[in-house]
């Protein structure tokens, strides 16, 4: 019987950009998370906790780096 070992900790690539915390604003009873760099609105929610959770799963479509074009030989 073969045994396999799996990594117990997530590994990050050396080229990964560290995540930046979104800017949170409370406007009229609604929490808004926006990109701290460009101000793009990432998400809204009624509670601060929910807004933080939703924003942690979103990437800013304006500031993120464009993927490298693949070259075919």
Protein backbone atom coordinates (compact mmCIF):
# COMPACT_ATOMS: atom_id res chain seq x y z
CA UNK A 1 0.00 0.00 0.00
CA UNK A 2 1.31 3.40 -0.94
CA UNK A 3 1.09 6.36 1.39
CA UNK A 4 0.85 9.91 0.17
CA UNK A 5 1.67 13.06 2.02
CA UNK A 6 -0.04 16.33 1.29
CA UNK A 7 0.96 19.84 2.17
CA UNK A 8 -0.80 21.04 5.30
CA UNK A 9 -0.24 24.72 4.65
CA UNK A 10 -1.20 26.67 1.58
CA UNK A 11 1.77 27.74 -0.45
CA UNK A 12 1.88 31.00 -2.31
CA UNK A 13 3.72 31.65 -5.50
CA UNK A 14 6.68 34.05 -5.29
CA UNK A 15 5.02 36.34 -7.83
CA UNK A 16 1.79 36.67 -5.85
CA UNK A 17 0.83 40.23 -4.97
CA UNK A 18 -0.07 40.67 -1.30
CA UNK A 19 -3.75 41.38 -0.76
CA UNK A 20 -4.62 44.92 0.25
CA UNK A 21 -7.42 45.52 2.71
CA UNK A 22 -10.42 47.21 1.08
CA UNK A 23 -11.52 50.64 2.24
CA UNK A 24 -14.82 50.45 4.18
CA UNK A 25 -17.38 53.26 4.30
CA UNK A 26 -20.74 53.52 6.07
CA UNK A 27 -23.18 55.52 3.93
CA UNK A 28 -26.84 55.73 4.90
CA UNK A 29 -26.73 52.52 6.93
CA UNK A 30 -25.09 50.49 4.13
CA UNK A 31 -21.46 49.37 4.31
CA UNK A 32 -19.49 49.82 1.10
CA UNK A 33 -16.11 48.21 0.39
CA UNK A 34 -14.00 49.87 -2.24
CA UNK A 35 -10.53 49.43 -3.70
CA UNK A 36 -8.07 51.59 -1.72
CA UNK A 37 -6.03 52.26 -4.86
CA UNK A 38 -8.60 53.37 -7.43
CA UNK A 39 -11.86 53.62 -5.45
CA UNK A 40 -13.79 51.00 -7.47
CA UNK A 41 -16.81 49.78 -5.47
CA UNK A 42 -16.26 46.09 -4.73
CA UNK A 43 -19.38 45.24 -2.73
CA UNK A 44 -22.09 46.46 -0.36
CA UNK A 45 -23.76 44.91 2.67
CA UNK A 46 -25.90 45.83 5.67
CA UNK A 47 -23.29 44.72 8.22
CA UNK A 48 -19.61 45.53 8.38
CA UNK A 49 -18.64 41.88 8.90
CA UNK A 50 -20.57 40.72 5.83
CA UNK A 51 -19.11 43.52 3.74
CA UNK A 52 -15.57 42.53 4.79
CA UNK A 53 -16.28 38.88 3.94
CA UNK A 54 -17.63 39.70 0.50
CA UNK A 55 -14.77 42.10 -0.27
CA UNK A 56 -12.15 39.53 0.74
CA UNK A 57 -13.36 37.28 -2.11
CA UNK A 58 -13.33 40.01 -4.77
CA UNK A 59 -10.45 41.31 -6.84
CA UNK A 60 -10.54 44.82 -8.25
CA UNK A 61 -11.15 44.51 -12.01
CA UNK A 62 -9.53 47.92 -12.62
CA UNK A 63 -6.25 47.54 -10.70
CA UNK A 64 -5.43 43.87 -11.19
CA UNK A 65 -2.60 43.06 -13.54
CA UNK A 66 -3.47 41.83 -17.00
CA UNK A 67 -2.48 38.21 -17.56
CA UNK A 68 0.62 37.59 -19.64
CA UNK A 69 -0.28 36.82 -23.26
CA UNK A 70 0.68 33.30 -24.24
CA UNK A 71 3.16 32.98 -27.06
CA UNK A 72 2.84 30.16 -29.54
CA UNK A 73 5.92 28.98 -31.36
